[in-house]
PDB file of N, CA and C in Angstrom:
ATOM      1  N   MET A   1       0.844  -1.179   0.000  1.00  0.00           N
ATOM      2  CA  MET A   1       0.000   0.000   0.000  1.00  0.00           C
ATOM      3  C   MET A   1       0.890   1.242   0.000  1.00  0.00           C
ATOM      4  N   GLN A   2       0.976   1.875  -1.113  1.00  0.00           N
ATOM      5  CA  GLN A   2       1.834   3.030  -1.292  1.00  0.00           C
ATOM      6  C   GLN A   2       1.452   4.177  -0.351  1.00  0.00           C
ATOM      7  N   ILE A   3       0.178   4.335  -0.075  1.00  0.00           N
ATOM      8  CA  ILE A   3      -0.277   5.448   0.771  1.00  0.00           C
ATOM      9  C   ILE A   3       0.323   5.372   2.167  1.00  0.00           C
ATOM     10  N   VAL A   4       0.510   4.171   2.697  1.00  0.00           N
ATOM     11  CA  VAL A   4       1.080   4.024   4.042  1.00  0.00           C
ATOM     12  C   VAL A   4       2.500   4.583   4.059  1.00  0.00           C
ATOM     13  N   GLY A   5       3.301   4.195   3.080  1.00  0.00           N
ATOM     14  CA  GLY A   5       4.666   4.704   2.999  1.00  0.00           C
ATOM     15  C   GLY A   5       4.710   6.217   2.859  1.00  0.00           C
ATOM     16  N   GLU A   6       3.825   6.741   2.022  1.00  0.00           N
ATOM     17  CA  GLU A   6       3.770   8.196   1.824  1.00  0.00           C
ATOM     18  C   GLU A   6       3.395   8.910   3.118  1.00  0.00           C
ATOM     19  N   ARG A   7       2.432   8.353   3.828  1.00  0.00           N
ATOM     20  CA  ARG A   7       1.971   9.003   5.060  1.00  0.00           C
ATOM     21  C   ARG A   7       3.041   8.961   6.155  1.00  0.00           C
ATOM     22  N   ILE A   8       3.689   7.816   6.329  1.00  0.00           N
ATOM     23  CA  ILE A   8       4.682   7.757   7.410  1.00  0.00           C
ATOM     24  C   ILE A   8       5.906   8.613   7.068  1.00  0.00           C
ATOM     25  N   ARG A   9       6.234   8.710   5.791  1.00  0.00           N
ATOM     26  CA  ARG A   9       7.332   9.595   5.392  1.00  0.00           C
ATOM     27  C   ARG A   9       6.942  11.055   5.658  1.00  0.00           C
ATOM     28  N   ALA A  10       5.723  11.436   5.290  1.00  0.00           N
ATOM     29  CA  ALA A  10       5.267  12.817   5.498  1.00  0.00           C
ATOM     30  C   ALA A  10       5.249  13.175   6.985  1.00  0.00           C
ATOM     31  N   LEU A  11       4.827  12.249   7.819  1.00  0.00           N
ATOM     32  CA  LEU A  11       4.823  12.503   9.264  1.00  0.00           C
ATOM     33  C   LEU A  11       6.241  12.738   9.770  1.00  0.00           C
ATOM     34  N   ARG A  12       7.150  11.879   9.352  1.00  0.00           N
ATOM     35  CA  ARG A  12       8.554  11.999   9.776  1.00  0.00           C
ATOM     36  C   ARG A  12       9.152  13.315   9.302  1.00  0.00           C
ATOM     37  N   GLU A  13       8.990  13.600   8.016  1.00  0.00           N
ATOM     38  CA  GLU A  13       9.566  14.819   7.445  1.00  0.00           C
ATOM     39  C   GLU A  13       8.913  16.069   8.011  1.00  0.00           C
ATOM     40  N   GLY A  14       7.632  15.973   8.348  1.00  0.00           N
ATOM     41  CA  GLY A  14       6.920  17.115   8.904  1.00  0.00           C
ATOM     42  C   GLY A  14       7.529  17.616  10.204  1.00  0.00           C
ATOM     43  N   LEU A  15       8.183  16.735  10.916  1.00  0.00           N
ATOM     44  CA  LEU A  15       8.837  17.131  12.160  1.00  0.00           C
ATOM     45  C   LEU A  15      10.350  17.230  12.004  1.00  0.00           C
ATOM     46  N   GLY A  16      10.815  17.089  10.770  1.00  0.00           N
ATOM     47  CA  GLY A  16      12.244  17.237  10.510  1.00  0.00           C
ATOM     48  C   GLY A  16      13.089  16.114  11.079  1.00  0.00           C
ATOM     49  N   LEU A  17      12.524  14.930  11.177  1.00  0.00           N
ATOM     50  CA  LEU A  17      13.264  13.784  11.714  1.00  0.00           C
ATOM     51  C   LEU A  17      13.844  12.958  10.569  1.00  0.00           C
ATOM     52  N   SER A  18      15.042  12.463  10.766  1.00  0.00           N
ATOM     53  CA  SER A  18      15.669  11.611   9.763  1.00  0.00           C
ATOM     54  C   SER A  18      15.159  10.178   9.904  1.00  0.00           C
ATOM     55  N   GLN A  19      15.364   9.396   8.855  1.00  0.00           N
ATOM     56  CA  GLN A  19      15.018   7.975   8.930  1.00  0.00           C
ATOM     57  C   GLN A  19      15.817   7.303  10.033  1.00  0.00           C
ATOM     58  N   ALA A  20      17.070   7.698  10.182  1.00  0.00           N
ATOM     59  CA  ALA A  20      17.919   7.099  11.224  1.00  0.00           C
ATOM     60  C   ALA A  20      17.376   7.414  12.622  1.00  0.00           C
ATOM     61  N   LYS A  21      16.904   8.641  12.826  1.00  0.00           N
ATOM     62  CA  LYS A  21      16.368   9.027  14.136  1.00  0.00           C
ATOM     63  C   LYS A  21      15.098   8.236  14.449  1.00  0.00           C
ATOM     64  N   ILE A  22      14.201   8.118  13.462  1.00  0.00           N
ATOM     65  CA  ILE A  22      12.977   7.338  13.669  1.00  0.00           C
ATOM     66  C   ILE A  22      13.336   5.884  13.958  1.00  0.00           C
ATOM     67  N   ALA A  23      14.273   5.343  13.206  1.00  0.00           N
ATOM     68  CA  ALA A  23      14.688   3.949  13.415  1.00  0.00           C
ATOM     69  C   ALA A  23      15.206   3.757  14.839  1.00  0.00           C
ATOM     70  N   ASP A  24      15.988   4.719  15.312  1.00  0.00           N
ATOM     71  CA  ASP A  24      16.524   4.644  16.669  1.00  0.00           C
ATOM     72  C   ASP A  24      15.401   4.660  17.703  1.00  0.00           C
ATOM     73  N   ILE A  25      14.417   5.511  17.491  1.00  0.00           N
ATOM     74  CA  ILE A  25      13.297   5.614  18.435  1.00  0.00           C
ATOM     75  C   ILE A  25      12.446   4.347  18.395  1.00  0.00           C
ATOM     76  N   VAL A  26      12.181   3.844  17.181  1.00  0.00           N
ATOM     77  CA  VAL A  26      11.348   2.646  17.022  1.00  0.00           C
ATOM     78  C   VAL A  26      12.064   1.400  17.525  1.00  0.00           C
ATOM     79  N   GLY A  27      13.383   1.390  17.398  1.00  0.00           N
ATOM     80  CA  GLY A  27      14.150   0.209  17.782  1.00  0.00           C
ATOM     81  C   GLY A  27      14.397  -0.704  16.601  1.00  0.00           C
ATOM     82  N   THR A  28      14.647  -0.099  15.445  1.00  0.00           N
ATOM     83  CA  THR A  28      14.939  -0.861  14.237  1.00  0.00           C
ATOM     84  C   THR A  28      16.123  -0.201  13.546  1.00  0.00           C
ATOM     85  N   VAL A  29      16.345  -0.526  12.292  1.00  0.00           N
ATOM     86  CA  VAL A  29      17.442   0.067  11.534  1.00  0.00           C
ATOM     87  C   VAL A  29      16.883   0.993  10.463  1.00  0.00           C
ATOM     88  N   GLN A  30      17.703   1.928  10.031  1.00  0.00           N
ATOM     89  CA  GLN A  30      17.292   2.926   9.046  1.00  0.00           C
ATOM     90  C   GLN A  30      16.822   2.290   7.756  1.00  0.00           C
ATOM     91  N   SER A  31      17.447   1.198   7.341  1.00  0.00           N
ATOM     92  CA  SER A  31      17.064   0.559   6.076  1.00  0.00           C
ATOM     93  C   SER A  31      15.619   0.041   6.128  1.00  0.00           C
ATOM     94  N   ASN A  32      15.161  -0.389   7.296  1.00  0.00           N
ATOM     95  CA  ASN A  32      13.756  -0.814   7.425  1.00  0.00           C
ATOM     96  C   ASN A  32      12.818   0.367   7.217  1.00  0.00           C
ATOM     97  N   ILE A  33      13.140   1.508   7.821  1.00  0.00           N
ATOM     98  CA  ILE A  33      12.301   2.699   7.656  1.00  0.00           C
ATOM     99  C   ILE A  33      12.257   3.087   6.181  1.00  0.00           C
ATOM    100  N   ASN A  34      13.396   3.032   5.516  1.00  0.00           N
ATOM    101  CA  ASN A  34      13.448   3.350   4.098  1.00  0.00           C
ATOM    102  C   ASN A  34      12.571   2.406   3.287  1.00  0.00           C
ATOM    103  N   ARG A  35      12.614   1.127   3.603  1.00  0.00           N
ATOM    104  CA  ARG A  35      11.786   0.150   2.878  1.00  0.00           C
ATOM    105  C   ARG A  35      10.295   0.393   3.107  1.00  0.00           C
ATOM    106  N   TYR A  36       9.929   0.787   4.318  1.00  0.00           N
ATOM    107  CA  TYR A  36       8.520   1.087   4.587  1.00  0.00           C
ATOM    108  C   TYR A  36       8.071   2.308   3.780  1.00  0.00           C
ATOM    109  N   GLU A  37       8.909   3.338   3.784  1.00  0.00           N
ATOM    110  CA  GLU A  37       8.542   4.589   3.126  1.00  0.00           C
ATOM    111  C   GLU A  37       8.526   4.477   1.604  1.00  0.00           C
ATOM    112  N   THR A  38       9.324   3.580   1.054  1.00  0.00           N
ATOM    113  CA  THR A  38       9.382   3.426  -0.403  1.00  0.00           C
ATOM    114  C   THR A  38       8.520   2.268  -0.893  1.00  0.00           C
ATOM    115  N   ASP A  39       7.707   1.721  -0.010  1.00  0.00           N
ATOM    116  CA  ASP A  39       6.747   0.670  -0.356  1.00  0.00           C
ATOM    117  C   ASP A  39       7.407  -0.623  -0.825  1.00  0.00           C
ATOM    118  N   LYS A  40       8.612  -0.872  -0.348  1.00  0.00           N
ATOM    119  CA  LYS A  40       9.288  -2.132  -0.668  1.00  0.00           C
ATOM    120  C   LYS A  40       8.908  -3.225   0.326  1.00  0.00           C
ATOM    121  N   THR A  41       8.581  -2.810   1.542  1.00  0.00           N
ATOM    122  CA  THR A  41       8.147  -3.716   2.606  1.00  0.00           C
ATOM    123  C   THR A  41       7.018  -3.027   3.363  1.00  0.00           C
ATOM    124  N   PHE A  42       6.049  -3.815   3.796  1.00  0.00           N
ATOM    125  CA  PHE A  42       4.956  -3.249   4.572  1.00  0.00           C
ATOM    126  C   PHE A  42       5.322  -3.290   6.055  1.00  0.00           C
ATOM    127  N   PRO A  43       5.126  -2.185   6.776  1.00  0.00           N
ATOM    128  CA  PRO A  43       5.473  -2.176   8.204  1.00  0.00           C
ATOM    129  C   PRO A  43       4.635  -3.191   8.982  1.00  0.00           C
ATOM    130  N   PRO A  44       5.245  -3.846   9.959  1.00  0.00           N
ATOM    131  CA  PRO A  44       4.472  -4.761  10.797  1.00  0.00           C
ATOM    132  C   PRO A  44       3.437  -3.990  11.633  1.00  0.00           C
ATOM    133  N   PRO A  45       2.380  -4.674  12.053  1.00  0.00           N
ATOM    134  CA  PRO A  45       1.335  -4.005  12.842  1.00  0.00           C
ATOM    135  C   PRO A  45       1.875  -3.240  14.050  1.00  0.00           C
ATOM    136  N   LYS A  46       2.852  -3.820  14.741  1.00  0.00           N
ATOM    137  CA  LYS A  46       3.428  -3.156  15.918  1.00  0.00           C
ATOM    138  C   LYS A  46       4.040  -1.800  15.534  1.00  0.00           C
ATOM    139  N   THR A  47       4.689  -1.740  14.388  1.00  0.00           N
ATOM    140  CA  THR A  47       5.302  -0.499  13.916  1.00  0.00           C
ATOM    141  C   THR A  47       4.231   0.514  13.518  1.00  0.00           C
ATOM    142  N   LEU A  48       3.181   0.045  12.855  1.00  0.00           N
ATOM    143  CA  LEU A  48       2.089   0.943  12.486  1.00  0.00           C
ATOM    144  C   LEU A  48       1.427   1.545  13.724  1.00  0.00           C
ATOM    145  N   LEU A  49       1.235   0.724  14.739  1.00  0.00           N
ATOM    146  CA  LEU A  49       0.670   1.232  15.991  1.00  0.00           C
ATOM    147  C   LEU A  49       1.602   2.250  16.641  1.00  0.00           C
ATOM    148  N   TRP A  50       2.904   1.987  16.556  1.00  0.00           N
ATOM    149  CA  TRP A  50       3.869   2.935  17.105  1.00  0.00           C
ATOM    150  C   TRP A  50       3.748   4.283  16.395  1.00  0.00           C
ATOM    151  N   TYR A  51       3.700   4.278  15.055  1.00  0.00           N
ATOM    152  CA  TYR A  51       3.542   5.525  14.295  1.00  0.00           C
ATOM    153  C   TYR A  51       2.262   6.259  14.719  1.00  0.00           C
ATOM    154  N   ALA A  52       1.175   5.518  14.816  1.00  0.00           N
ATOM    155  CA  ALA A  52      -0.103   6.135  15.196  1.00  0.00           C
ATOM    156  C   ALA A  52      -0.004   6.783  16.577  1.00  0.00           C
ATOM    157  N   ASP A  53       0.618   6.094  17.518  1.00  0.00           N
ATOM    158  CA  ASP A  53       0.760   6.642  18.869  1.00  0.00           C
ATOM    159  C   ASP A  53       1.745   7.803  18.917  1.00  0.00           C
ATOM    160  N   TYR A  54       2.902   7.635  18.310  1.00  0.00           N
ATOM    161  CA  TYR A  54       3.958   8.651  18.391  1.00  0.00           C
ATOM    162  C   TYR A  54       3.532   9.955  17.726  1.00  0.00           C
ATOM    163  N   PHE A  55       2.904   9.855  16.553  1.00  0.00           N
ATOM    164  CA  PHE A  55       2.490  11.049  15.827  1.00  0.00           C
ATOM    165  C   PHE A  55       1.042  11.441  16.135  1.00  0.00           C
ATOM    166  N   ASP A  56       0.402  10.665  16.999  1.00  0.00           N
ATOM    167  CA  ASP A  56      -0.984  10.909  17.418  1.00  0.00           C
ATOM    168  C   ASP A  56      -1.914  11.054  16.218  1.00  0.00           C
ATOM    169  N   VAL A  57      -1.875  10.040  15.359  1.00  0.00           N
ATOM    170  CA  VAL A  57      -2.772   9.986  14.210  1.00  0.00           C
ATOM    171  C   VAL A  57      -3.542   8.674  14.272  1.00  0.00           C
ATOM    172  N   SER A  58      -4.613   8.609  13.512  1.00  0.00           N
ATOM    173  CA  SER A  58      -5.398   7.380  13.496  1.00  0.00           C
ATOM    174  C   SER A  58      -4.820   6.403  12.471  1.00  0.00           C
ATOM    175  N   LEU A  59      -5.090   5.141  12.672  1.00  0.00           N
ATOM    176  CA  LEU A  59      -4.699   4.138  11.680  1.00  0.00           C
ATOM    177  C   LEU A  59      -5.459   4.359  10.374  1.00  0.00           C
ATOM    178  N   ASP A  60      -6.679   4.861  10.455  1.00  0.00           N
ATOM    179  CA  ASP A  60      -7.417   5.206   9.246  1.00  0.00           C
ATOM    180  C   ASP A  60      -6.641   6.220   8.413  1.00  0.00           C
ATOM    181  N   TYR A  61      -5.997   7.173   9.072  1.00  0.00           N
ATOM    182  CA  TYR A  61      -5.184   8.154   8.355  1.00  0.00           C
ATOM    183  C   TYR A  61      -3.984   7.468   7.708  1.00  0.00           C
ATOM    184  N   LEU A  62      -3.290   6.621   8.456  1.00  0.00           N
ATOM    185  CA  LEU A  62      -2.121   5.934   7.904  1.00  0.00           C
ATOM    186  C   LEU A  62      -2.485   5.075   6.695  1.00  0.00           C
ATOM    187  N   PHE A  63      -3.673   4.473   6.718  1.00  0.00           N
ATOM    188  CA  PHE A  63      -4.105   3.608   5.617  1.00  0.00           C
ATOM    189  C   PHE A  63      -4.805   4.369   4.494  1.00  0.00           C
ATOM    190  N   GLY A  64      -4.924   5.693   4.643  1.00  0.00           N
ATOM    191  CA  GLY A  64      -5.515   6.495   3.586  1.00  0.00           C
ATOM    192  C   GLY A  64      -7.028   6.485   3.550  1.00  0.00           C
ATOM    193  N   ARG A  65      -7.651   6.029   4.624  1.00  0.00           N
ATOM    194  CA  ARG A  65      -9.124   5.999   4.659  1.00  0.00           C
ATOM    195  C   ARG A  65      -9.714   7.353   4.996  1.00  0.00           C
ATOM    196  N   THR A  66      -8.873   8.258   5.520  1.00  0.00           N
ATOM    197  CA  THR A  66      -9.282   9.624   5.813  1.00  0.00           C
ATOM    198  C   THR A  66      -8.080  10.531   5.615  1.00  0.00           C
ATOM    199  N   ASP A  67      -8.350  11.781   5.333  1.00  0.00           N
ATOM    200  CA  ASP A  67      -7.276  12.761   5.220  1.00  0.00           C
ATOM    201  C   ASP A  67      -7.136  13.588   6.498  1.00  0.00           C
ATOM    202  N   GLN A  68      -7.908  13.231   7.509  1.00  0.00           N
ATOM    203  CA  GLN A  68      -7.845  13.913   8.797  1.00  0.00           C
ATOM    204  C   GLN A  68      -6.886  13.142   9.702  1.00  0.00           C
ATOM    205  N   PRO A  69      -5.662  13.645   9.890  1.00  0.00           N
ATOM    206  CA  PRO A  69      -4.672  12.891  10.676  1.00  0.00           C
ATOM    207  C   PRO A  69      -5.130  12.513  12.068  1.00  0.00           C
ATOM    208  N   GLN A  70      -5.817  13.427  12.724  1.00  0.00           N
ATOM    209  CA  GLN A  70      -6.182  13.171  14.106  1.00  0.00           C
ATOM    210  C   GLN A  70      -7.442  12.343  14.254  1.00  0.00           C
ATOM    211  N   GLY A  71      -8.167  12.115  13.199  1.00  0.00           N
ATOM    212  CA  GLY A  71      -9.402  11.362  13.319  1.00  0.00           C
ATOM    213  C   GLY A  71     -10.454  12.146  14.071  1.00  0.00           C
ATOM    214  N   LYS A  72     -11.533  11.519  14.373  1.00  0.00           N
ATOM    215  CA  LYS A  72     -12.652  12.210  15.016  1.00  0.00           C
ATOM    216  C   LYS A  72     -12.505  12.328  16.528  1.00  0.00           C
ATOM    217  N   LEU A  73     -11.754  11.436  17.147  1.00  0.00           N
ATOM    218  CA  LEU A  73     -11.719  11.382  18.605  1.00  0.00           C
ATOM    219  C   LEU A  73     -10.427  11.910  19.209  1.00  0.00           C
ATOM    220  N   TYR A  74      -9.534  12.476  18.399  1.00  0.00           N
ATOM    221  CA  TYR A  74      -8.212  12.832  18.887  1.00  0.00           C
ATOM    222  C   TYR A  74      -8.063  14.317  19.153  1.00  0.00           C
ATOM    223  N   ASP A  75      -7.287  14.619  20.161  1.00  0.00           N
ATOM    224  CA  ASP A  75      -6.789  15.961  20.420  1.00  0.00           C
ATOM    225  C   ASP A  75      -5.343  15.918  19.942  1.00  0.00           C
ATOM    226  N   TYR A  76      -5.101  16.342  18.726  1.00  0.00           N
ATOM    227  CA  TYR A  76      -3.838  16.149  18.016  1.00  0.00           C
ATOM    228  C   TYR A  76      -2.655  16.736  18.780  1.00  0.00           C
ATOM    229  N   GLN A  77      -1.873  15.868  19.433  1.00  0.00           N
ATOM    230  CA  GLN A  77      -0.705  16.283  20.185  1.00  0.00           C
ATOM    231  C   GLN A  77       0.385  15.221  20.044  1.00  0.00           C
ATOM    232  N   PRO A  78       1.090  15.239  18.909  1.00  0.00           N
ATOM    233  CA  PRO A  78       2.135  14.232  18.708  1.00  0.00           C
ATOM    234  C   PRO A  78       3.175  14.259  19.819  1.00  0.00           C
ATOM    235  N   GLU A  79       3.630  13.105  20.199  1.00  0.00           N
ATOM    236  CA  GLU A  79       4.636  12.974  21.253  1.00  0.00           C
ATOM    237  C   GLU A  79       5.905  13.730  20.889  1.00  0.00           C
ATOM    238  N   ALA A  80       6.270  13.720  19.619  1.00  0.00           N
ATOM    239  CA  ALA A  80       7.487  14.412  19.191  1.00  0.00           C
ATOM    240  C   ALA A  80       7.388  15.909  19.453  1.00  0.00           C
ATOM    241  N   ILE A  81       6.226  16.490  19.235  1.00  0.00           N
ATOM    242  CA  ILE A  81       6.060  17.925  19.475  1.00  0.00           C
ATOM    243  C   ILE A  81       6.084  18.203  20.972  1.00  0.00           C
ATOM    244  N   LYS A  82       5.494  17.325  21.767  1.00  0.00           N
ATOM    245  CA  LYS A  82       5.534  17.502  23.217  1.00  0.00           C
ATOM    246  C   LYS A  82       6.983  17.513  23.703  1.00  0.00           C
ATOM    247  N   GLN A  83       7.799  16.593  23.181  1.00  0.00           N
ATOM    248  CA  GLN A  83       9.199  16.526  23.577  1.00  0.00           C
ATOM    249  C   GLN A  83       9.942  17.796  23.175  1.00  0.00           C
ATOM    250  N   LYS A  84       9.636  18.316  21.992  1.00  0.00           N
ATOM    251  CA  LYS A  84      10.273  19.540  21.527  1.00  0.00           C
ATOM    252  C   LYS A  84       9.904  20.710  22.432  1.00  0.00           C
ATOM    253  N   MET A  85       8.651  20.783  22.836  1.00  0.00           N
ATOM    254  CA  MET A  85       8.205  21.864  23.706  1.00  0.00           C
ATOM    255  C   MET A  85       8.865  21.759  25.079  1.00  0.00           C
ATOM    256  N   GLU A  86       9.022  20.544  25.588  1.00  0.00           N
ATOM    257  CA  GLU A  86       9.699  20.364  26.868  1.00  0.00           C
ATOM    258  C   GLU A  86      11.142  20.830  26.759  1.00  0.00           C
ATOM    259  N   HIS A  87      11.775  20.540  25.628  1.00  0.00           N
ATOM    260  CA  HIS A  87      13.153  20.960  25.405  1.00  0.00           C
ATOM    261  C   HIS A  87      13.226  22.484  25.382  1.00  0.00           C
ATOM    262  N   ASN A  88      12.267  23.141  24.721  1.00  0.00           N
ATOM    263  CA  ASN A  88      12.232  24.603  24.690  1.00  0.00           C
ATOM    264  C   ASN A  88      12.092  25.173  26.091  1.00  0.00           C
ATOM    265  N   GLU A  89      11.302  24.529  26.927  1.00  0.00           N
ATOM    266  CA  GLU A  89      11.121  25.004  28.297  1.00  0.00           C
ATOM    267  C   GLU A  89      12.441  24.896  29.063  1.00  0.00           C
ATOM    268  N   GLU A  90      13.182  23.820  28.848  1.00  0.00           N
ATOM    269  CA  GLU A  90      14.490  23.677  29.489  1.00  0.00           C
ATOM    270  C   GLU A  90      15.431  24.788  29.032  1.00  0.00           C
ATOM    271  N   LEU A  91      15.413  25.117  27.754  1.00  0.00           N
ATOM    272  CA  LEU A  91      16.260  26.193  27.237  1.00  0.00           C
ATOM    273  C   LEU A  91      15.838  27.539  27.821  1.00  0.00           C
ATOM    274  N   ARG A  92      14.536  27.756  27.935  1.00  0.00           N
ATOM    275  CA  ARG A  92      14.052  29.009  28.516  1.00  0.00           C
ATOM    276  C   ARG A  92      14.539  29.152  29.950  1.00  0.00           C
ATOM    277  N   GLN A  93      14.491  28.066  30.715  1.00  0.00           N
ATOM    278  CA  GLN A  93      14.951  28.104  32.093  1.00  0.00           C
ATOM    279  C   GLN A  93      16.455  28.364  32.160  1.00  0.00           C
ATOM    280  N   PHE A  94      17.206  27.793  31.227  1.00  0.00           N
ATOM    281  CA  PHE A  94      18.645  28.025  31.168  1.00  0.00           C
ATOM    282  C   PHE A  94      18.934  29.504  30.914  1.00  0.00           C
ATOM    283  N   VAL A  95      18.213  30.086  29.956  1.00  0.00           N
ATOM    284  CA  VAL A  95      18.400  31.505  29.640  1.00  0.00           C
ATOM    285  C   VAL A  95      18.080  32.352  30.870  1.00  0.00           C
ATOM    286  N   GLU A  96      17.038  31.999  31.591  1.00  0.00           N
ATOM    287  CA  GLU A  96      16.666  32.735  32.810  1.00  0.00           C
ATOM    288  C   GLU A  96      17.837  32.757  33.793  1.00  0.00           C
ATOM    289  N   MET A  97      18.518  31.641  33.943  1.00  0.00           N
ATOM    290  CA  MET A  97      19.613  31.543  34.899  1.00  0.00           C
ATOM    291  C   MET A  97      20.841  32.331  34.455  1.00  0.00           C
ATOM    292  N   CYS A  98      20.989  32.558  33.158  1.00  0.00           N
ATOM    293  CA  CYS A  98      22.198  33.179  32.617  1.00  0.00           C
ATOM    294  C   CYS A  98      22.257  34.687  32.775  1.00  0.00           C
ATOM    295  N   PHE A  99      21.153  35.333  33.024  1.00  0.00           N
ATOM    296  CA  PHE A  99      21.143  36.787  33.041  1.00  0.00           C
ATOM    297  C   PHE A  99      20.957  37.350  34.433  1.00  0.00           C
ATOM    298  N   ASP A 100      21.757  38.351  34.738  1.00  0.00           N
ATOM    299  CA  ASP A 100      21.659  39.065  36.007  1.00  0.00           C
ATOM    300  C   ASP A 100      20.436  39.975  35.955  1.00  0.00           C
ATOM    301  N   PRO A 101      19.441  39.745  36.807  1.00  0.00           N
ATOM    302  CA  PRO A 101      18.219  40.547  36.750  1.00  0.00           C
ATOM    303  C   PRO A 101      18.452  42.034  37.056  1.00  0.00           C
ATOM    304  N   ASN A 102      19.584  42.371  37.642  1.00  0.00           N
ATOM    305  CA  ASN A 102      19.846  43.766  37.996  1.00  0.00           C
ATOM    306  C   ASN A 102      20.478  44.561  36.850  1.00  0.00           C
ATOM    307  N   HIS A 103      20.938  43.890  35.818  1.00  0.00           N
ATOM    308  CA  HIS A 103      21.567  44.580  34.691  1.00  0.00           C
ATOM    309  C   HIS A 103      20.485  45.192  33.805  1.00  0.00           C
ATOM    310  N   PRO A 104      20.672  46.452  33.348  1.00  0.00           N
ATOM    311  CA  PRO A 104      19.629  47.126  32.568  1.00  0.00           C
ATOM    312  C   PRO A 104      19.314  46.462  31.219  1.00  0.00           C
ATOM    313  N   MET A 105      20.251  45.758  30.621  1.00  0.00           N
ATOM    314  CA  MET A 105      20.013  45.134  29.314  1.00  0.00           C
ATOM    315  C   MET A 105      19.538  43.688  29.441  1.00  0.00           C
ATOM    316  N   SER A 106      19.588  43.155  30.610  1.00  0.00           N
ATOM    317  CA  SER A 106      19.287  41.746  30.791  1.00  0.00           C
ATOM    318  C   SER A 106      17.887  41.363  30.317  1.00  0.00           C
ATOM    319  N   GLY A 107      16.899  42.164  30.614  1.00  0.00           N
ATOM    320  CA  GLY A 107      15.523  41.854  30.209  1.00  0.00           C
ATOM    321  C   GLY A 107      15.362  41.782  28.701  1.00  0.00           C
ATOM    322  N   ARG A 108      15.908  42.742  27.995  1.00  0.00           N
ATOM    323  CA  ARG A 108      15.804  42.751  26.527  1.00  0.00           C
ATOM    324  C   ARG A 108      16.548  41.573  25.912  1.00  0.00           C
ATOM    325  N   LEU A 109      17.756  41.313  26.410  1.00  0.00           N
ATOM    326  CA  LEU A 109      18.532  40.194  25.875  1.00  0.00           C
ATOM    327  C   LEU A 109      17.830  38.864  26.120  1.00  0.00           C
ATOM    328  N   LYS A 110      17.315  38.712  27.322  1.00  0.00           N
ATOM    329  CA  LYS A 110      16.607  37.483  27.670  1.00  0.00           C
ATOM    330  C   LYS A 110      15.381  37.302  26.782  1.00  0.00           C
ATOM    331  N   ASP A 111      14.582  38.341  26.629  1.00  0.00           N
ATOM    332  CA  ASP A 111      13.379  38.258  25.792  1.00  0.00           C
ATOM    333  C   ASP A 111      13.728  37.931  24.351  1.00  0.00           C
ATOM    334  N   THR A 112      14.783  38.545  23.851  1.00  0.00           N
ATOM    335  CA  THR A 112      15.218  38.283  22.471  1.00  0.00           C
ATOM    336  C   THR A 112      15.645  36.835  22.302  1.00  0.00           C
ATOM    337  N   LEU A 113      16.430  36.325  23.241  1.00  0.00           N
ATOM    338  CA  LEU A 113      16.870  34.929  23.159  1.00  0.00           C
ATOM    339  C   LEU A 113      15.703  33.957  23.242  1.00  0.00           C
ATOM    340  N   VAL A 114      14.789  34.192  24.147  1.00  0.00           N
ATOM    341  CA  VAL A 114      13.625  33.310  24.292  1.00  0.00           C
ATOM    342  C   VAL A 114      12.804  33.310  23.001  1.00  0.00           C
ATOM    343  N   ARG A 115      12.587  34.494  22.438  1.00  0.00           N
ATOM    344  CA  ARG A 115      11.832  34.609  21.186  1.00  0.00           C
ATOM    345  C   ARG A 115      12.552  33.870  20.050  1.00  0.00           C
ATOM    346  N   MET A 116      13.864  34.009  19.976  1.00  0.00           N
ATOM    347  CA  MET A 116      14.635  33.316  18.935  1.00  0.00           C
ATOM    348  C   MET A 116      14.532  31.808  19.094  1.00  0.00           C
ATOM    349  N   LEU A 117      14.586  31.336  20.321  1.00  0.00           N
ATOM    350  CA  LEU A 117      14.486  29.903  20.574  1.00  0.00           C
ATOM    351  C   LEU A 117      13.108  29.380  20.175  1.00  0.00           C
ATOM    352  N   GLN A 118      12.078  30.146  20.476  1.00  0.00           N
ATOM    353  CA  GLN A 118      10.718  29.726  20.134  1.00  0.00           C
ATOM    354  C   GLN A 118      10.516  29.727  18.635  1.00  0.00           C
ATOM    355  N   GLU A 119      10.998  30.741  17.962  1.00  0.00           N
ATOM    356  CA  GLU A 119      10.830  30.841  16.511  1.00  0.00           C
ATOM    357  C   GLU A 119      11.676  29.803  15.785  1.00  0.00           C
ATOM    358  N   GLY A 120      12.839  29.511  16.333  1.00  0.00           N
ATOM    359  CA  GLY A 120      13.737  28.553  15.684  1.00  0.00           C
ATOM    360  C   GLY A 120      13.347  27.118  15.946  1.00  0.00           C
ATOM    361  N   GLY A 121      12.442  26.857  16.869  1.00  0.00           N
ATOM    362  CA  GLY A 121      12.026  25.498  17.183  1.00  0.00           C
ATOM    363  C   GLY A 121      13.163  24.645  17.678  1.00  0.00           C
ATOM    364  N   ALA A 122      14.041  25.234  18.484  1.00  0.00           N
ATOM    365  CA  ALA A 122      15.226  24.522  18.967  1.00  0.00           C
ATOM    366  C   ALA A 122      14.909  23.239  19.643  1.00  0.00           C
TER     367      ALA A 122
END
């Protein structure tokens, strides 16, 4: 099913993740991810469930039965985005610690750095 490969590739690329990174998270090798995405091999059910859970999409979406990734019952919050947001919060806290609150430029510098981190999706 070509649509499955297209959908899992689009999900991965949408978050800027490499095949190697997904393989590492799934617990497989990059060549398997490549075979799934290029429709050379069909992902096992366990892997399909992992994609659905990790990216918070329905299996109907992965199989092309709907174009609505989150389905009817989902509050679309992919785990990968949650992890990225947690990382941003850690960076924000680090920036907070780096600036002396008594310095006149500290507030502007801190705000600029936080804004850059948020916009850059660090």
